[in-house]
Amino acid sequence: MSPAACAPATTGPASSAPTKSASGLPSAHVHRMAVNDETGQILLATHEGLFDISHTPATKIGPTNDLMGFTTVHDEGIYYASGHPGKDSALPNPLGLIRSGDGGKTWVLLSRQRESGFHALTTTKNGVVAFDGTLMTSPDGQNWTPVTAGFTPAVLAGHTHSDTVLATTPQGLQRSTDAGTTWTLNESAPVVQYAVFASTNHVVGVQPDGNVQVSADSGATWSSKGRISGGVQAITAVKKPDGPLRIWAATADGVEASADGGATFAPYQPN
């Protein structure tokens, strides 16, 4: 059930050879998606780096690095990422936790360089939650505390203005209400492979068969919506106070989008 992921590199940087998808995506391997709340950009964190797909053609942002973990700080335009350096990069391998304050153009090394390639990564009101084989929390992205969780998350989902975090696993949805310190299996929740917070309370989940689930109470209860066709690689969503729940999904066939809360999906049309 785990999302598509590259095998961690042990020596040398990851290759940056172009692997543009037949679907027209800028990379055949999309690790994560995100919406920039400030600019409205739809972002793909990929094997070849970060791309803005809000316009045609897609625009590469910043250096070529394999961004296996990627998350945004809502309303602030700050990004966190992890993974492996691209070809000819001088960055350490693995990257540890890196941070960008300029929309992904440049990155600052924060911690755990040459130690961690976080494949699951999210932010909360009280810091960062990440997984590199060990689940860990950090209040500042520099000092880390291991968490005894007893599960392996495929995706970690949180929101900068909340302490609720969700972890998708093959056994079911794990939920934390204290920024990732303690966890409880939500036995009534559907088994979802991908999850993302669209607001502090609204969450979108996608089951392994593409069925879309939506929660309005931070993942406590769920309702079934439509279905995404094609193999899903990553999702993102946004719910403004005065607008509908909007969802985007990167699939093997391209990017699908929903403007009606996940009831229906159609090919995404960039500006």
Protein backbone atom coordinates (compact mmCIF):
# COMPACT_ATOMS: atom_id res chain seq x y z
CA MET A 1 0.00 0.00 0.00
CA SER A 2 2.97 2.30 0.31
CA PRO A 3 3.19 5.16 -2.21
CA ALA A 4 5.65 5.07 -5.04
CA ALA A 5 9.13 5.66 -3.74
CA CYS A 6 12.70 5.43 -4.94
CA ALA A 7 15.10 3.09 -3.25
CA PRO A 8 17.30 5.12 -0.89
CA ALA A 9 20.74 5.78 -2.30
CA THR A 10 23.64 4.56 -0.22
CA THR A 11 26.53 6.10 -2.11
CA GLY A 12 26.69 8.90 -4.60
CA PRO A 13 23.89 11.26 -5.66
CA ALA A 14 20.63 10.23 -7.26
CA SER A 15 20.49 10.41 -11.03
CA SER A 16 18.75 13.42 -12.55
CA ALA A 17 18.28 11.88 -15.99
CA PRO A 18 14.98 13.09 -17.42
CA THR A 19 12.12 10.64 -16.91
CA LYS A 20 9.21 12.68 -18.21
CA SER A 21 5.97 10.77 -17.98
CA ALA A 22 4.07 9.66 -21.06
CA SER A 23 1.07 11.38 -19.45
CA GLY A 24 2.76 14.76 -19.93
CA LEU A 25 3.82 15.17 -16.30
CA PRO A 26 7.31 16.68 -15.89
CA SER A 27 8.48 13.49 -14.18
CA ALA A 28 7.40 9.88 -14.35
CA HIS A 29 7.89 9.64 -10.60
CA VAL A 30 5.84 12.02 -8.44
CA HIS A 31 6.46 11.67 -4.71
CA ARG A 32 4.23 14.41 -3.29
CA MET A 33 1.84 17.21 -4.29
CA ALA A 34 1.04 20.50 -2.55
CA VAL A 35 -0.84 23.76 -2.99
CA ASN A 36 0.97 27.00 -2.22
CA ASP A 37 -1.63 28.94 -0.23
CA GLU A 38 0.02 32.27 -1.07
CA THR A 39 0.34 31.88 -4.84
CA GLY A 40 -2.17 29.17 -5.72
CA GLN A 41 0.58 27.14 -7.38
CA ILE A 42 0.02 23.40 -7.76
CA LEU A 43 3.35 21.79 -6.92
CA LEU A 44 4.81 18.40 -7.75
CA ALA A 45 7.76 17.12 -5.70
CA THR A 46 9.41 14.56 -7.96
CA HIS A 47 12.48 12.44 -8.64
CA GLU A 48 13.79 15.36 -10.74
CA GLY A 49 12.98 18.17 -8.30
CA LEU A 50 10.11 20.58 -7.69
CA PHE A 51 7.72 21.69 -10.44
CA ASP A 52 4.91 24.25 -10.69
CA ILE A 53 2.20 22.80 -12.95
CA SER A 54 -0.21 25.74 -12.61
CA HIS A 55 0.73 26.92 -16.11
CA THR A 56 1.68 25.27 -19.39
CA PRO A 57 4.41 24.21 -19.71
CA ALA A 58 5.28 23.13 -16.19
CA THR A 59 8.05 25.21 -14.59
CA LYS A 60 11.03 23.74 -12.76
CA ILE A 61 11.70 25.43 -9.40
CA GLY A 62 15.15 25.33 -7.86
CA PRO A 63 17.80 22.60 -8.06
CA THR A 64 17.42 19.02 -9.23
CA ASN A 65 17.06 16.87 -6.13
CA ASP A 66 15.04 13.74 -5.47
CA LEU A 67 12.37 15.16 -3.14
CA MET A 68 10.97 12.02 -1.54
CA GLY A 69 9.50 13.93 1.37
CA PHE A 70 7.88 17.33 0.88
CA THR A 71 5.48 19.52 2.85
CA THR A 72 4.47 23.16 3.10
CA VAL A 73 3.86 25.56 5.98
CA HIS A 74 0.36 26.84 5.27
CA ASP A 75 -0.07 30.57 4.70
CA GLU A 76 3.68 31.22 4.95
CA GLY A 77 5.19 29.96 1.69
CA ILE A 78 7.77 27.88 3.53
CA TYR A 79 8.64 24.37 2.36
CA TYR A 80 10.35 21.44 4.04
CA ALA A 81 11.78 18.52 2.09
CA SER A 82 14.01 15.48 2.27
CA GLY A 83 15.42 12.85 -0.04
CA HIS A 84 18.62 12.55 -2.05
CA PRO A 85 20.82 14.98 -4.01
CA GLY A 86 20.59 15.12 -7.77
CA LYS A 87 23.40 14.72 -10.25
CA ASP A 88 26.26 17.21 -9.76
CA SER A 89 24.68 18.44 -6.51
CA ALA A 90 27.00 19.38 -3.67
CA LEU A 91 24.36 18.56 -1.06
CA PRO A 92 24.91 15.64 1.35
CA ASN A 93 23.32 12.24 0.78
CA PRO A 94 20.78 11.70 2.17
CA LEU A 95 19.58 15.27 2.43
CA GLY A 96 18.22 15.12 5.96
CA LEU A 97 15.70 17.90 6.54
CA ILE A 98 16.03 20.95 4.30
CA ARG A 99 14.00 24.17 4.31
CA SER A 100 13.11 26.77 1.69
CA GLY A 101 11.80 30.24 2.48
CA ASP A 102 11.63 31.41 -1.14
CA GLY A 103 9.20 28.98 -2.73
CA GLY A 104 11.71 26.21 -3.41
CA LYS A 105 14.31 28.25 -5.30
CA THR A 106 16.98 27.73 -2.65
CA TRP A 107 17.29 25.39 0.32
CA VAL A 108 18.94 25.55 3.73
CA LEU A 109 20.25 22.45 5.51
CA LEU A 110 18.53 22.07 8.89
CA SER A 111 19.41 18.71 10.40
CA ARG A 112 20.21 15.00 10.01
CA GLN A 113 22.27 15.41 6.84
CA ARG A 114 23.82 12.06 5.79
CA GLU A 115 21.53 10.40 8.36
CA SER A 116 17.92 10.67 7.19
CA GLY A 117 16.01 10.53 3.94
CA PHE A 118 12.51 11.21 5.23
CA HIS A 119 10.01 9.47 2.95
CA ALA A 120 7.05 10.73 4.99
CA LEU A 121 7.01 14.29 6.28
CA THR A 122 4.49 16.84 7.55
CA THR A 123 4.20 19.96 9.68
CA THR A 124 1.97 20.68 12.66
CA LYS A 125 1.26 23.63 14.93
CA ASN A 126 4.12 22.48 17.13
CA GLY A 127 6.75 21.44 14.62
CA VAL A 128 7.61 18.63 12.21
CA VAL A 129 6.71 14.93 12.12
CA ALA A 130 8.83 12.69 9.89
CA PHE A 131 9.67 9.05 9.17
CA ASP A 132 12.97 7.61 7.96
CA GLY A 133 12.51 4.11 9.34
CA THR A 134 11.91 5.68 12.74
CA LEU A 135 9.00 8.00 13.46
CA MET A 136 10.28 11.26 14.95
CA THR A 137 9.00 14.67 16.01
CA SER A 138 10.83 17.99 16.13
CA PRO A 139 9.72 21.38 17.48
CA ASP A 140 12.14 23.28 15.24
CA GLY A 141 13.36 20.93 12.50
CA GLN A 142 16.72 20.56 14.26
CA ASN A 143 16.19 18.68 17.51
CA TRP A 144 14.46 15.32 17.18
CA THR A 145 12.65 12.92 19.52
CA PRO A 146 11.95 9.31 18.46
CA VAL A 147 8.36 8.12 18.84
CA THR A 148 7.39 4.57 19.72
CA ALA A 149 4.56 4.01 17.27
CA GLY A 150 4.49 0.34 16.22
CA PHE A 151 3.58 1.07 12.59
CA THR A 152 5.18 2.15 9.33
CA PRO A 153 3.45 5.17 7.76
CA ALA A 154 3.08 5.38 4.00
CA VAL A 155 1.99 9.04 4.25
CA LEU A 156 1.94 11.52 7.13
CA ALA A 157 -0.70 14.26 6.89
CA GLY A 158 -0.94 17.33 9.09
CA HIS A 159 -1.71 21.04 9.06
CA THR A 160 0.37 23.92 10.35
CA HIS A 161 -2.52 25.25 12.44
CA SER A 162 -3.43 21.94 14.08
CA ASP A 163 -1.85 19.28 16.26
CA THR A 164 -3.78 16.45 14.61
CA VAL A 165 -1.66 14.16 12.41
CA LEU A 166 -2.78 11.18 10.34
CA ALA A 167 -0.62 8.26 9.25
CA THR A 168 -1.76 5.89 6.52
CA THR A 169 -0.83 2.23 6.98
CA PRO A 170 -1.96 -1.08 5.44
CA GLN A 171 -3.58 -1.94 8.77
CA GLY A 172 -5.65 1.24 8.92
CA LEU A 173 -5.51 4.94 9.68
CA GLN A 174 -3.46 6.00 12.68
CA ARG A 175 -4.40 9.32 14.30
CA SER A 176 -2.55 11.60 16.71
CA THR A 177 -3.98 14.69 18.40
CA ASP A 178 -0.73 15.76 20.10
CA ALA A 179 1.52 16.54 17.12
CA GLY A 180 2.65 12.97 16.60
CA THR A 181 3.65 12.08 20.17
CA THR A 182 0.98 9.41 20.76
CA TRP A 183 -1.14 7.50 18.27
CA THR A 184 -4.43 5.60 18.11
CA LEU A 185 -5.74 3.36 15.34
CA ASN A 186 -9.03 4.76 14.05
CA GLU A 187 -10.84 1.45 13.64
CA SER A 188 -13.91 3.07 12.08
CA ALA A 189 -11.94 4.87 9.36
CA PRO A 190 -11.48 3.48 5.86
CA VAL A 191 -8.05 2.14 4.90
CA VAL A 192 -6.58 4.97 2.85
CA GLN A 193 -3.28 5.00 1.01
CA TYR A 194 -3.00 8.79 0.64
CA ALA A 195 -4.22 11.53 2.94
CA VAL A 196 -3.92 15.32 2.98
CA PHE A 197 -5.34 18.17 5.05
CA ALA A 198 -7.24 20.69 2.93
CA SER A 199 -7.80 22.97 5.95
CA THR A 200 -7.39 22.64 9.70
CA ASN A 201 -10.37 20.26 9.77
CA HIS A 202 -11.01 19.02 6.23
CA VAL A 203 -9.08 15.93 5.12
CA VAL A 204 -9.08 14.00 1.87
CA GLY A 205 -8.13 10.33 1.71
CA VAL A 206 -7.76 8.01 -1.28
CA GLN A 207 -8.16 4.27 -0.90
CA PRO A 208 -5.93 1.80 -2.79
CA ASP A 209 -8.67 1.31 -5.40
CA GLY A 210 -8.95 5.06 -6.04
CA ASN A 211 -12.13 5.66 -4.04
CA VAL A 212 -12.13 9.10 -2.41
CA GLN A 213 -13.00 9.61 1.25
CA VAL A 214 -13.55 12.99 2.90
CA SER A 215 -13.50 14.04 6.55
CA ALA A 216 -14.70 17.35 8.02
CA ASP A 217 -13.45 16.62 11.55
CA SER A 218 -9.72 16.04 11.11
CA GLY A 219 -10.00 12.38 10.23
CA ALA A 220 -12.30 11.22 13.03
CA THR A 221 -15.22 10.32 10.73
CA TRP A 222 -15.37 9.86 6.96
CA SER A 223 -17.79 9.89 4.04
CA SER A 224 -17.34 8.27 0.63
CA LYS A 225 -17.30 10.44 -2.50
CA GLY A 226 -16.17 9.67 -6.07
CA ARG A 227 -13.29 7.75 -7.56
CA ILE A 228 -9.97 8.65 -9.18
CA SER A 229 -9.11 6.50 -12.18
CA GLY A 230 -5.53 5.55 -12.97
CA GLY A 231 -2.80 4.71 -10.51
CA VAL A 232 -2.62 7.52 -7.93
CA GLN A 233 0.89 8.70 -7.02
CA ALA A 234 0.13 11.74 -4.85
CA ILE A 235 -2.73 14.06 -3.87
CA THR A 236 -3.28 17.56 -2.55
CA ALA A 237 -6.35 19.57 -1.62
CA VAL A 238 -7.52 22.94 -0.34
CA LYS A 239 -10.70 24.13 1.37
CA LYS A 240 -11.06 27.88 1.74
CA PRO A 241 -13.68 29.14 4.24
CA ASP A 242 -15.78 30.61 1.44
CA GLY A 243 -15.14 27.99 -1.24
CA PRO A 244 -15.59 24.34 -2.19
CA LEU A 245 -13.26 21.51 -1.32
CA ARG A 246 -10.86 21.20 -4.26
CA ILE A 247 -8.69 18.14 -4.87
CA TRP A 248 -5.83 17.33 -7.26
CA ALA A 249 -4.31 13.90 -7.88
CA ALA A 250 -1.23 12.96 -9.85
CA THR A 251 -1.88 9.66 -11.61
CA ALA A 252 -0.28 7.46 -14.22
CA ASP A 253 -2.51 9.22 -16.78
CA GLY A 254 -1.80 12.82 -15.71
CA VAL A 255 -3.32 15.14 -13.10
CA GLU A 256 -7.00 14.79 -12.22
CA ALA A 257 -8.88 17.56 -10.44
CA SER A 258 -12.16 17.91 -8.56
CA ALA A 259 -13.96 21.16 -7.76
CA ASP A 260 -16.95 19.51 -6.08
CA GLY A 261 -15.44 17.91 -3.01
CA GLY A 262 -14.32 14.71 -4.69
CA ALA A 263 -17.64 13.70 -6.24
CA THR A 264 -16.30 13.96 -9.80
CA PHE A 265 -12.85 14.26 -11.37
CA ALA A 266 -11.66 15.53 -14.73
CA PRO A 267 -8.25 16.18 -16.33
CA TYR A 268 -6.61 19.20 -14.69
CA GLN A 269 -6.50 22.29 -16.91
CA PRO A 270 -3.56 24.60 -16.08
CA ASN A 271 -3.92 28.35 -16.56
